[in-house]
Amino acid sequence: MHIKQETIDKTGRFYVEDNECTIAEMDYQLPDKNTLLIVHTEVNESLGGKGVGKQLVAAAVDYARENSLVIKATCPFAKKVLDITPEFADVYNAEKNN
């Protein structure tokens, strides 16, 4: 599965397409030069249980590492994944996320 990414001004998304239709998407904002804020994740029900949402979060983590960003999340799904994945602690700190 190929995850694409696009940023326009201070907003962006990681997404998956099938036949040019978005079937999974995670939206984010760049509120300042140091922060990537995940605001929404949505995965088509046909992909349910396949780990696509977690792959989107992992793509955001990779992007944050490459760009020296800290991740925050208001999206409940992304926040849960970040909270329970210790490997993401270098760019996400649950105590500092609030």
PDB file of N, CA and C in Angstrom:
ATOM      1  N   MET A   1       0.847  -1.175   0.000  1.00  0.00           N
ATOM      2  CA  MET A   1       0.000   0.000   0.000  1.00  0.00           C
ATOM      3  C   MET A   1       0.892   1.237   0.000  1.00  0.00           C
ATOM      4  N   HIS A   2       0.647   2.125  -0.915  1.00  0.00           N
ATOM      5  CA  HIS A   2       1.460   3.327  -1.056  1.00  0.00           C
ATOM      6  C   HIS A   2       0.759   4.514  -0.396  1.00  0.00           C
ATOM      7  N   ILE A   3       1.420   5.087   0.606  1.00  0.00           N
ATOM      8  CA  ILE A   3       0.886   6.267   1.287  1.00  0.00           C
ATOM      9  C   ILE A   3       1.487   7.505   0.643  1.00  0.00           C
ATOM     10  N   LYS A   4       0.618   8.414   0.225  1.00  0.00           N
ATOM     11  CA  LYS A   4       1.038   9.668  -0.377  1.00  0.00           C
ATOM     12  C   LYS A   4       0.929  10.771   0.665  1.00  0.00           C
ATOM     13  N   GLN A   5       1.604  11.892   0.386  1.00  0.00           N
ATOM     14  CA  GLN A   5       1.575  13.013   1.313  1.00  0.00           C
ATOM     15  C   GLN A   5       1.555  14.306   0.519  1.00  0.00           C
ATOM     16  N   GLU A   6       0.790  15.270   1.022  1.00  0.00           N
ATOM     17  CA  GLU A   6       0.789  16.597   0.413  1.00  0.00           C
ATOM     18  C   GLU A   6       0.605  17.642   1.497  1.00  0.00           C
ATOM     19  N   THR A   7       1.259  18.798   1.291  1.00  0.00           N
ATOM     20  CA  THR A   7       1.140  19.920   2.208  1.00  0.00           C
ATOM     21  C   THR A   7       0.847  21.166   1.392  1.00  0.00           C
ATOM     22  N   ILE A   8      -0.144  21.917   1.828  1.00  0.00           N
ATOM     23  CA  ILE A   8      -0.482  23.192   1.213  1.00  0.00           C
ATOM     24  C   ILE A   8      -0.537  24.215   2.342  1.00  0.00           C
ATOM     25  N   ASP A   9       0.339  25.206   2.269  1.00  0.00           N
ATOM     26  CA  ASP A   9       0.492  26.199   3.336  1.00  0.00           C
ATOM     27  C   ASP A   9       0.763  25.500   4.653  1.00  0.00           C
ATOM     28  N   LYS A  10      -0.150  25.614   5.608  1.00  0.00           N
ATOM     29  CA  LYS A  10       0.078  25.044   6.934  1.00  0.00           C
ATOM     30  C   LYS A  10      -0.855  23.875   7.236  1.00  0.00           C
ATOM     31  N   THR A  11      -1.377  23.249   6.188  1.00  0.00           N
ATOM     32  CA  THR A  11      -2.199  22.051   6.368  1.00  0.00           C
ATOM     33  C   THR A  11      -1.724  20.984   5.387  1.00  0.00           C
ATOM     34  N   GLY A  12      -2.067  19.761   5.693  1.00  0.00           N
ATOM     35  CA  GLY A  12      -1.667  18.689   4.796  1.00  0.00           C
ATOM     36  C   GLY A  12      -2.381  17.399   5.129  1.00  0.00           C
ATOM     37  N   ARG A  13      -1.982  16.355   4.410  1.00  0.00           N
ATOM     38  CA  ARG A  13      -2.588  15.054   4.654  1.00  0.00           C
ATOM     39  C   ARG A  13      -1.667  13.951   4.165  1.00  0.00           C
ATOM     40  N   PHE A  14      -1.805  12.811   4.815  1.00  0.00           N
ATOM     41  CA  PHE A  14      -1.247  11.553   4.346  1.00  0.00           C
ATOM     42  C   PHE A  14      -2.463  10.767   3.878  1.00  0.00           C
ATOM     43  N   TYR A  15      -2.355  10.107   2.723  1.00  0.00           N
ATOM     44  CA  TYR A  15      -3.547   9.460   2.186  1.00  0.00           C
ATOM     45  C   TYR A  15      -3.200   8.278   1.291  1.00  0.00           C
ATOM     46  N   VAL A  16      -4.218   7.450   1.084  1.00  0.00           N
ATOM     47  CA  VAL A  16      -4.121   6.282   0.206  1.00  0.00           C
ATOM     48  C   VAL A  16      -5.237   6.410  -0.808  1.00  0.00           C
ATOM     49  N   GLU A  17      -4.908   6.167  -2.066  1.00  0.00           N
ATOM     50  CA  GLU A  17      -5.906   6.221  -3.142  1.00  0.00           C
ATOM     51  C   GLU A  17      -6.074   4.856  -3.788  1.00  0.00           C
ATOM     52  N   ASP A  18      -7.262   4.648  -4.303  1.00  0.00           N
ATOM     53  CA  ASP A  18      -7.568   3.472  -5.114  1.00  0.00           C
ATOM     54  C   ASP A  18      -8.385   3.981  -6.290  1.00  0.00           C
ATOM     55  N   ASN A  19      -7.876   3.798  -7.494  1.00  0.00           N
ATOM     56  CA  ASN A  19      -8.544   4.316  -8.692  1.00  0.00           C
ATOM     57  C   ASN A  19      -8.851   5.803  -8.568  1.00  0.00           C
ATOM     58  N   GLU A  20      -7.869   6.561  -8.068  1.00  0.00           N
ATOM     59  CA  GLU A  20      -7.958   8.006  -7.916  1.00  0.00           C
ATOM     60  C   GLU A  20      -8.997   8.476  -6.897  1.00  0.00           C
ATOM     61  N   CYS A  21      -9.487   7.569  -6.067  1.00  0.00           N
ATOM     62  CA  CYS A  21     -10.401   7.914  -4.970  1.00  0.00           C
ATOM     63  C   CYS A  21      -9.660   7.734  -3.650  1.00  0.00           C
ATOM     64  N   THR A  22      -9.769   8.713  -2.771  1.00  0.00           N
ATOM     65  CA  THR A  22      -9.133   8.604  -1.460  1.00  0.00           C
ATOM     66  C   THR A  22      -9.896   7.586  -0.625  1.00  0.00           C
ATOM     67  N   ILE A  23      -9.160   6.570  -0.129  1.00  0.00           N
ATOM     68  CA  ILE A  23      -9.801   5.524   0.676  1.00  0.00           C
ATOM     69  C   ILE A  23      -9.303   5.530   2.128  1.00  0.00           C
ATOM     70  N   ALA A  24      -8.272   6.314   2.398  1.00  0.00           N
ATOM     71  CA  ALA A  24      -7.775   6.494   3.762  1.00  0.00           C
ATOM     72  C   ALA A  24      -7.051   7.833   3.814  1.00  0.00           C
ATOM     73  N   GLU A  25      -7.232   8.544   4.937  1.00  0.00           N
ATOM     74  CA  GLU A  25      -6.665   9.888   5.002  1.00  0.00           C
ATOM     75  C   GLU A  25      -6.425  10.298   6.450  1.00  0.00           C
ATOM     76  N   MET A  26      -5.317  10.968   6.667  1.00  0.00           N
ATOM     77  CA  MET A  26      -5.035  11.554   7.963  1.00  0.00           C
ATOM     78  C   MET A  26      -4.644  13.013   7.729  1.00  0.00           C
ATOM     79  N   ASP A  27      -5.427  13.934   8.277  1.00  0.00           N
ATOM     80  CA  ASP A  27      -5.213  15.361   8.077  1.00  0.00           C
ATOM     81  C   ASP A  27      -4.368  15.925   9.214  1.00  0.00           C
ATOM     82  N   TYR A  28      -3.516  16.879   8.865  1.00  0.00           N
ATOM     83  CA  TYR A  28      -2.698  17.526   9.877  1.00  0.00           C
ATOM     84  C   TYR A  28      -2.568  19.020   9.603  1.00  0.00           C
ATOM     85  N   GLN A  29      -2.100  19.707  10.642  1.00  0.00           N
ATOM     86  CA  GLN A  29      -1.815  21.136  10.557  1.00  0.00           C
ATOM     87  C   GLN A  29      -0.374  21.357  11.002  1.00  0.00           C
ATOM     88  N   LEU A  30       0.208  22.440  10.537  1.00  0.00           N
ATOM     89  CA  LEU A  30       1.546  22.853  10.955  1.00  0.00           C
ATOM     90  C   LEU A  30       1.402  24.214  11.635  1.00  0.00           C
ATOM     91  N   PRO A  31       0.989  24.214  12.924  1.00  0.00           N
ATOM     92  CA  PRO A  31       0.685  25.475  13.603  1.00  0.00           C
ATOM     93  C   PRO A  31       1.902  26.364  13.858  1.00  0.00           C
ATOM     94  N   ASP A  32       3.085  25.761  13.892  1.00  0.00           N
ATOM     95  CA  ASP A  32       4.320  26.527  14.023  1.00  0.00           C
ATOM     96  C   ASP A  32       5.444  25.742  13.361  1.00  0.00           C
ATOM     97  N   LYS A  33       6.641  26.270  13.377  1.00  0.00           N
ATOM     98  CA  LYS A  33       7.742  25.645  12.633  1.00  0.00           C
ATOM     99  C   LYS A  33       8.257  24.358  13.268  1.00  0.00           C
ATOM    100  N   ASN A  34       7.783  24.019  14.469  1.00  0.00           N
ATOM    101  CA  ASN A  34       8.279  22.842  15.184  1.00  0.00           C
ATOM    102  C   ASN A  34       7.243  21.741  15.381  1.00  0.00           C
ATOM    103  N   THR A  35       5.987  21.963  14.982  1.00  0.00           N
ATOM    104  CA  THR A  35       4.901  21.066  15.373  1.00  0.00           C
ATOM    105  C   THR A  35       4.082  20.574  14.194  1.00  0.00           C
ATOM    106  N   LEU A  36       3.802  19.275  14.222  1.00  0.00           N
ATOM    107  CA  LEU A  36       2.832  18.658  13.317  1.00  0.00           C
ATOM    108  C   LEU A  36       1.661  18.210  14.186  1.00  0.00           C
ATOM    109  N   LEU A  37       0.492  18.756  13.947  1.00  0.00           N
ATOM    110  CA  LEU A  37      -0.706  18.468  14.738  1.00  0.00           C
ATOM    111  C   LEU A  37      -1.652  17.600  13.922  1.00  0.00           C
ATOM    112  N   ILE A  38      -1.840  16.357  14.346  1.00  0.00           N
ATOM    113  CA  ILE A  38      -2.762  15.448  13.661  1.00  0.00           C
ATOM    114  C   ILE A  38      -4.177  15.747  14.143  1.00  0.00           C
ATOM    115  N   VAL A  39      -5.069  16.083  13.208  1.00  0.00           N
ATOM    116  CA  VAL A  39      -6.411  16.514  13.590  1.00  0.00           C
ATOM    117  C   VAL A  39      -7.520  15.536  13.215  1.00  0.00           C
ATOM    118  N   HIS A  40      -7.274  14.652  12.251  1.00  0.00           N
ATOM    119  CA  HIS A  40      -8.358  13.755  11.830  1.00  0.00           C
ATOM    120  C   HIS A  40      -7.786  12.563  11.064  1.00  0.00           C
ATOM    121  N   THR A  41      -8.349  11.392  11.322  1.00  0.00           N
ATOM    122  CA  THR A  41      -7.993  10.187  10.571  1.00  0.00           C
ATOM    123  C   THR A  41      -9.273   9.496  10.155  1.00  0.00           C
ATOM    124  N   GLU A  42      -9.330   9.087   8.899  1.00  0.00           N
ATOM    125  CA  GLU A  42     -10.506   8.372   8.404  1.00  0.00           C
ATOM    126  C   GLU A  42     -10.050   7.294   7.423  1.00  0.00           C
ATOM    127  N   VAL A  43     -10.545   6.077   7.642  1.00  0.00           N
ATOM    128  CA  VAL A  43     -10.202   4.941   6.788  1.00  0.00           C
ATOM    129  C   VAL A  43     -11.492   4.302   6.310  1.00  0.00           C
ATOM    130  N   ASN A  44     -11.584   4.055   5.016  1.00  0.00           N
ATOM    131  CA  ASN A  44     -12.755   3.405   4.442  1.00  0.00           C
ATOM    132  C   ASN A  44     -12.984   2.068   5.145  1.00  0.00           C
ATOM    133  N   GLU A  45     -14.248   1.757   5.418  1.00  0.00           N
ATOM    134  CA  GLU A  45     -14.562   0.528   6.153  1.00  0.00           C
ATOM    135  C   GLU A  45     -14.076  -0.728   5.440  1.00  0.00           C
ATOM    136  N   SER A  46     -13.872  -0.671   4.135  1.00  0.00           N
ATOM    137  CA  SER A  46     -13.360  -1.835   3.408  1.00  0.00           C
ATOM    138  C   SER A  46     -11.929  -2.173   3.820  1.00  0.00           C
ATOM    139  N   LEU A  47     -11.246  -1.208   4.441  1.00  0.00           N
ATOM    140  CA  LEU A  47      -9.873  -1.415   4.900  1.00  0.00           C
ATOM    141  C   LEU A  47      -9.796  -1.672   6.397  1.00  0.00           C
ATOM    142  N   GLY A  48     -10.935  -1.717   7.054  1.00  0.00           N
ATOM    143  CA  GLY A  48     -10.980  -1.902   8.499  1.00  0.00           C
ATOM    144  C   GLY A  48     -10.210  -3.126   8.957  1.00  0.00           C
ATOM    145  N   GLY A  49      -9.436  -2.963  10.032  1.00  0.00           N
ATOM    146  CA  GLY A  49      -8.704  -4.078  10.609  1.00  0.00           C
ATOM    147  C   GLY A  49      -7.421  -4.446   9.884  1.00  0.00           C
ATOM    148  N   LYS A  50      -7.037  -3.673   8.897  1.00  0.00           N
ATOM    149  CA  LYS A  50      -5.829  -3.986   8.120  1.00  0.00           C
ATOM    150  C   LYS A  50      -4.629  -3.134   8.531  1.00  0.00           C
ATOM    151  N   GLY A  51      -4.793  -2.322   9.546  1.00  0.00           N
ATOM    152  CA  GLY A  51      -3.686  -1.520  10.051  1.00  0.00           C
ATOM    153  C   GLY A  51      -3.361  -0.283   9.237  1.00  0.00           C
ATOM    154  N   VAL A  52      -4.266   0.116   8.351  1.00  0.00           N
ATOM    155  CA  VAL A  52      -4.005   1.271   7.491  1.00  0.00           C
ATOM    156  C   VAL A  52      -3.905   2.554   8.308  1.00  0.00           C
ATOM    157  N   GLY A  53      -4.770   2.724   9.285  1.00  0.00           N
ATOM    158  CA  GLY A  53      -4.709   3.910  10.134  1.00  0.00           C
ATOM    159  C   GLY A  53      -3.373   4.014  10.855  1.00  0.00           C
ATOM    160  N   LYS A  54      -2.875   2.901  11.361  1.00  0.00           N
ATOM    161  CA  LYS A  54      -1.575   2.892  12.036  1.00  0.00           C
ATOM    162  C   LYS A  54      -0.458   3.214  11.051  1.00  0.00           C
ATOM    163  N   GLN A  55      -0.592   2.759   9.817  1.00  0.00           N
ATOM    164  CA  GLN A  55       0.411   3.075   8.801  1.00  0.00           C
ATOM    165  C   GLN A  55       0.428   4.579   8.496  1.00  0.00           C
ATOM    166  N   LEU A  56      -0.744   5.206   8.509  1.00  0.00           N
ATOM    167  CA  LEU A  56      -0.808   6.650   8.305  1.00  0.00           C
ATOM    168  C   LEU A  56      -0.094   7.392   9.434  1.00  0.00           C
ATOM    169  N   VAL A  57      -0.319   6.944  10.664  1.00  0.00           N
ATOM    170  CA  VAL A  57       0.353   7.561  11.814  1.00  0.00           C
ATOM    171  C   VAL A  57       1.865   7.361  11.693  1.00  0.00           C
ATOM    172  N   ALA A  58       2.282   6.169  11.312  1.00  0.00           N
ATOM    173  CA  ALA A  58       3.716   5.895  11.140  1.00  0.00           C
ATOM    174  C   ALA A  58       4.323   6.788  10.063  1.00  0.00           C
ATOM    175  N   ALA A  59       3.571   7.056   9.010  1.00  0.00           N
ATOM    176  CA  ALA A  59       4.052   7.959   7.956  1.00  0.00           C
ATOM    177  C   ALA A  59       4.244   9.366   8.514  1.00  0.00           C
ATOM    178  N   ALA A  60       3.337   9.805   9.380  1.00  0.00           N
ATOM    179  CA  ALA A  60       3.472  11.115  10.012  1.00  0.00           C
ATOM    180  C   ALA A  60       4.703  11.151  10.921  1.00  0.00           C
ATOM    181  N   VAL A  61       4.949  10.069  11.623  1.00  0.00           N
ATOM    182  CA  VAL A  61       6.132   9.983  12.486  1.00  0.00           C
ATOM    183  C   VAL A  61       7.406  10.084  11.643  1.00  0.00           C
ATOM    184  N   ASP A  62       7.455   9.360  10.540  1.00  0.00           N
ATOM    185  CA  ASP A  62       8.617   9.435   9.649  1.00  0.00           C
ATOM    186  C   ASP A  62       8.820  10.858   9.137  1.00  0.00           C
ATOM    187  N   TYR A  63       7.731  11.497   8.739  1.00  0.00           N
ATOM    188  CA  TYR A  63       7.788  12.880   8.243  1.00  0.00           C
ATOM    189  C   TYR A  63       8.296  13.822   9.341  1.00  0.00           C
ATOM    190  N   ALA A  64       7.797  13.627  10.562  1.00  0.00           N
ATOM    191  CA  ALA A  64       8.228  14.463  11.686  1.00  0.00           C
ATOM    192  C   ALA A  64       9.720  14.276  11.944  1.00  0.00           C
ATOM    193  N   ARG A  65      10.186  13.038  11.898  1.00  0.00           N
ATOM    194  CA  ARG A  65      11.620  12.781  12.107  1.00  0.00           C
ATOM    195  C   ARG A  65      12.462  13.461  11.023  1.00  0.00           C
ATOM    196  N   GLU A  66      12.043  13.332   9.787  1.00  0.00           N
ATOM    197  CA  GLU A  66      12.788  13.909   8.662  1.00  0.00           C
ATOM    198  C   GLU A  66      12.839  15.434   8.712  1.00  0.00           C
ATOM    199  N   ASN A  67      11.826  16.036   9.323  1.00  0.00           N
ATOM    200  CA  ASN A  67      11.713  17.498   9.339  1.00  0.00           C
ATOM    201  C   ASN A  67      11.902  18.115  10.727  1.00  0.00           C
ATOM    202  N   SER A  68      12.416  17.315  11.667  1.00  0.00           N
ATOM    203  CA  SER A  68      12.681  17.775  13.047  1.00  0.00           C
ATOM    204  C   SER A  68      11.457  18.417  13.682  1.00  0.00           C
ATOM    205  N   LEU A  69      10.315  17.725  13.575  1.00  0.00           N
ATOM    206  CA  LEU A  69       9.062  18.209  14.149  1.00  0.00           C
ATOM    207  C   LEU A  69       8.664  17.368  15.356  1.00  0.00           C
ATOM    208  N   VAL A  70       7.868  17.965  16.212  1.00  0.00           N
ATOM    209  CA  VAL A  70       7.248  17.263  17.329  1.00  0.00           C
ATOM    210  C   VAL A  70       5.787  17.041  16.941  1.00  0.00           C
ATOM    211  N   ILE A  71       5.269  15.852  17.252  1.00  0.00           N
ATOM    212  CA  ILE A  71       3.877  15.544  16.920  1.00  0.00           C
ATOM    213  C   ILE A  71       2.980  15.791  18.120  1.00  0.00           C
ATOM    214  N   LYS A  72       1.842  16.414  17.842  1.00  0.00           N
ATOM    215  CA  LYS A  72       0.732  16.522  18.795  1.00  0.00           C
ATOM    216  C   LYS A  72      -0.490  15.963  18.070  1.00  0.00           C
ATOM    217  N   ALA A  73      -1.500  15.571  18.831  1.00  0.00           N
ATOM    218  CA  ALA A  73      -2.689  14.991  18.203  1.00  0.00           C
ATOM    219  C   ALA A  73      -3.952  15.374  18.951  1.00  0.00           C
ATOM    220  N   THR A  74      -4.931  15.888  18.196  1.00  0.00           N
ATOM    221  CA  THR A  74      -6.274  16.066  18.735  1.00  0.00           C
ATOM    222  C   THR A  74      -7.176  14.951  18.223  1.00  0.00           C
ATOM    223  N   CYS A  75      -6.745  14.244  17.203  1.00  0.00           N
ATOM    224  CA  CYS A  75      -7.482  13.099  16.670  1.00  0.00           C
ATOM    225  C   CYS A  75      -7.378  11.950  17.677  1.00  0.00           C
ATOM    226  N   PRO A  76      -8.509  11.456  18.186  1.00  0.00           N
ATOM    227  CA  PRO A  76      -8.474  10.390  19.188  1.00  0.00           C
ATOM    228  C   PRO A  76      -7.764   9.120  18.705  1.00  0.00           C
ATOM    229  N   PHE A  77      -7.973   8.732  17.457  1.00  0.00           N
ATOM    230  CA  PHE A  77      -7.325   7.523  16.946  1.00  0.00           C
ATOM    231  C   PHE A  77      -5.807   7.691  16.931  1.00  0.00           C
ATOM    232  N   ALA A  78      -5.328   8.771  16.333  1.00  0.00           N
ATOM    233  CA  ALA A  78      -3.883   8.997  16.246  1.00  0.00           C
ATOM    234  C   ALA A  78      -3.271   9.111  17.638  1.00  0.00           C
ATOM    235  N   LYS A  79      -3.953   9.819  18.542  1.00  0.00           N
ATOM    236  CA  LYS A  79      -3.453   9.973  19.902  1.00  0.00           C
ATOM    237  C   LYS A  79      -3.296   8.619  20.577  1.00  0.00           C
ATOM    238  N   LYS A  80      -4.263   7.731  20.396  1.00  0.00           N
ATOM    239  CA  LYS A  80      -4.190   6.396  20.994  1.00  0.00           C
ATOM    240  C   LYS A  80      -2.994   5.623  20.443  1.00  0.00           C
ATOM    241  N   VAL A  81      -2.818   5.643  19.120  1.00  0.00           N
ATOM    242  CA  VAL A  81      -1.688   4.939  18.508  1.00  0.00           C
ATOM    243  C   VAL A  81      -0.370   5.506  19.031  1.00  0.00           C
ATOM    244  N   LEU A  82      -0.256   6.816  19.085  1.00  0.00           N
ATOM    245  CA  LEU A  82       0.966   7.445  19.576  1.00  0.00           C
ATOM    246  C   LEU A  82       1.213   7.126  21.048  1.00  0.00           C
ATOM    247  N   ASP A  83       0.148   7.110  21.840  1.00  0.00           N
ATOM    248  CA  ASP A  83       0.274   6.822  23.270  1.00  0.00           C
ATOM    249  C   ASP A  83       0.793   5.414  23.546  1.00  0.00           C
ATOM    250  N   ILE A  84       0.405   4.451  22.725  1.00  0.00           N
ATOM    251  CA  ILE A  84       0.752   3.054  23.011  1.00  0.00           C
ATOM    252  C   ILE A  84       1.956   2.529  22.217  1.00  0.00           C
ATOM    253  N   THR A  85       2.610   3.411  21.467  1.00  0.00           N
ATOM    254  CA  THR A  85       3.735   2.969  20.646  1.00  0.00           C
ATOM    255  C   THR A  85       5.016   3.644  21.126  1.00  0.00           C
ATOM    256  N   PRO A  86       5.790   2.938  21.960  1.00  0.00           N
ATOM    257  CA  PRO A  86       6.994   3.551  22.527  1.00  0.00           C
ATOM    258  C   PRO A  86       8.026   3.969  21.473  1.00  0.00           C
ATOM    259  N   GLU A  87       8.034   3.316  20.324  1.00  0.00           N
ATOM    260  CA  GLU A  87       8.991   3.665  19.270  1.00  0.00           C
ATOM    261  C   GLU A  87       8.775   5.068  18.719  1.00  0.00           C
ATOM    262  N   PHE A  88       7.621   5.660  18.986  1.00  0.00           N
ATOM    263  CA  PHE A  88       7.323   6.998  18.481  1.00  0.00           C
ATOM    264  C   PHE A  88       7.671   8.100  19.485  1.00  0.00           C
ATOM    265  N   ALA A  89       8.223   7.720  20.645  1.00  0.00           N
ATOM    266  CA  ALA A  89       8.469   8.671  21.734  1.00  0.00           C
ATOM    267  C   ALA A  89       9.482   9.756  21.371  1.00  0.00           C
ATOM    268  N   ASP A  90      10.318   9.510  20.370  1.00  0.00           N
ATOM    269  CA  ASP A  90      11.298  10.536  20.002  1.00  0.00           C
ATOM    270  C   ASP A  90      10.641  11.769  19.380  1.00  0.00           C
ATOM    271  N   VAL A  91       9.442  11.604  18.819  1.00  0.00           N
ATOM    272  CA  VAL A  91       8.736  12.753  18.239  1.00  0.00           C
ATOM    273  C   VAL A  91       7.403  13.039  18.931  1.00  0.00           C
ATOM    274  N   TYR A  92       7.008  12.169  19.852  1.00  0.00           N
ATOM    275  CA  TYR A  92       5.726  12.343  20.550  1.00  0.00           C
ATOM    276  C   TYR A  92       5.922  12.050  22.029  1.00  0.00           C
ATOM    277  N   ASN A  93       5.517  12.988  22.858  1.00  0.00           N
ATOM    278  CA  ASN A  93       5.573  12.811  24.298  1.00  0.00           C
ATOM    279  C   ASN A  93       4.174  13.034  24.842  1.00  0.00           C
ATOM    280  N   ALA A  94       3.541  11.976  25.338  1.00  0.00           N
ATOM    281  CA  ALA A  94       2.148  12.058  25.785  1.00  0.00           C
ATOM    282  C   ALA A  94       1.943  13.129  26.858  1.00  0.00           C
ATOM    283  N   GLU A  95       2.896  13.270  27.792  1.00  0.00           N
ATOM    284  CA  GLU A  95       2.735  14.250  28.859  1.00  0.00           C
ATOM    285  C   GLU A  95       2.754  15.679  28.303  1.00  0.00           C
ATOM    286  N   LYS A  96       3.541  15.899  27.249  1.00  0.00           N
ATOM    287  CA  LYS A  96       3.645  17.243  26.677  1.00  0.00           C
ATOM    288  C   LYS A  96       2.606  17.480  25.586  1.00  0.00           C
ATOM    289  N   ASN A  97       1.784  16.485  25.291  1.00  0.00           N
ATOM    290  CA  ASN A  97       0.815  16.621  24.211  1.00  0.00           C
ATOM    291  C   ASN A  97      -0.413  17.425  24.618  1.00  0.00           C
ATOM    292  N   ASN A  98      -0.644  17.566  25.884  1.00  0.00           N
ATOM    293  CA  ASN A  98      -1.868  18.250  26.344  1.00  0.00           C
ATOM    294  C   ASN A  98      -1.720  19.744  26.368  1.00  0.00           C
TER     295      ASN A  98
END
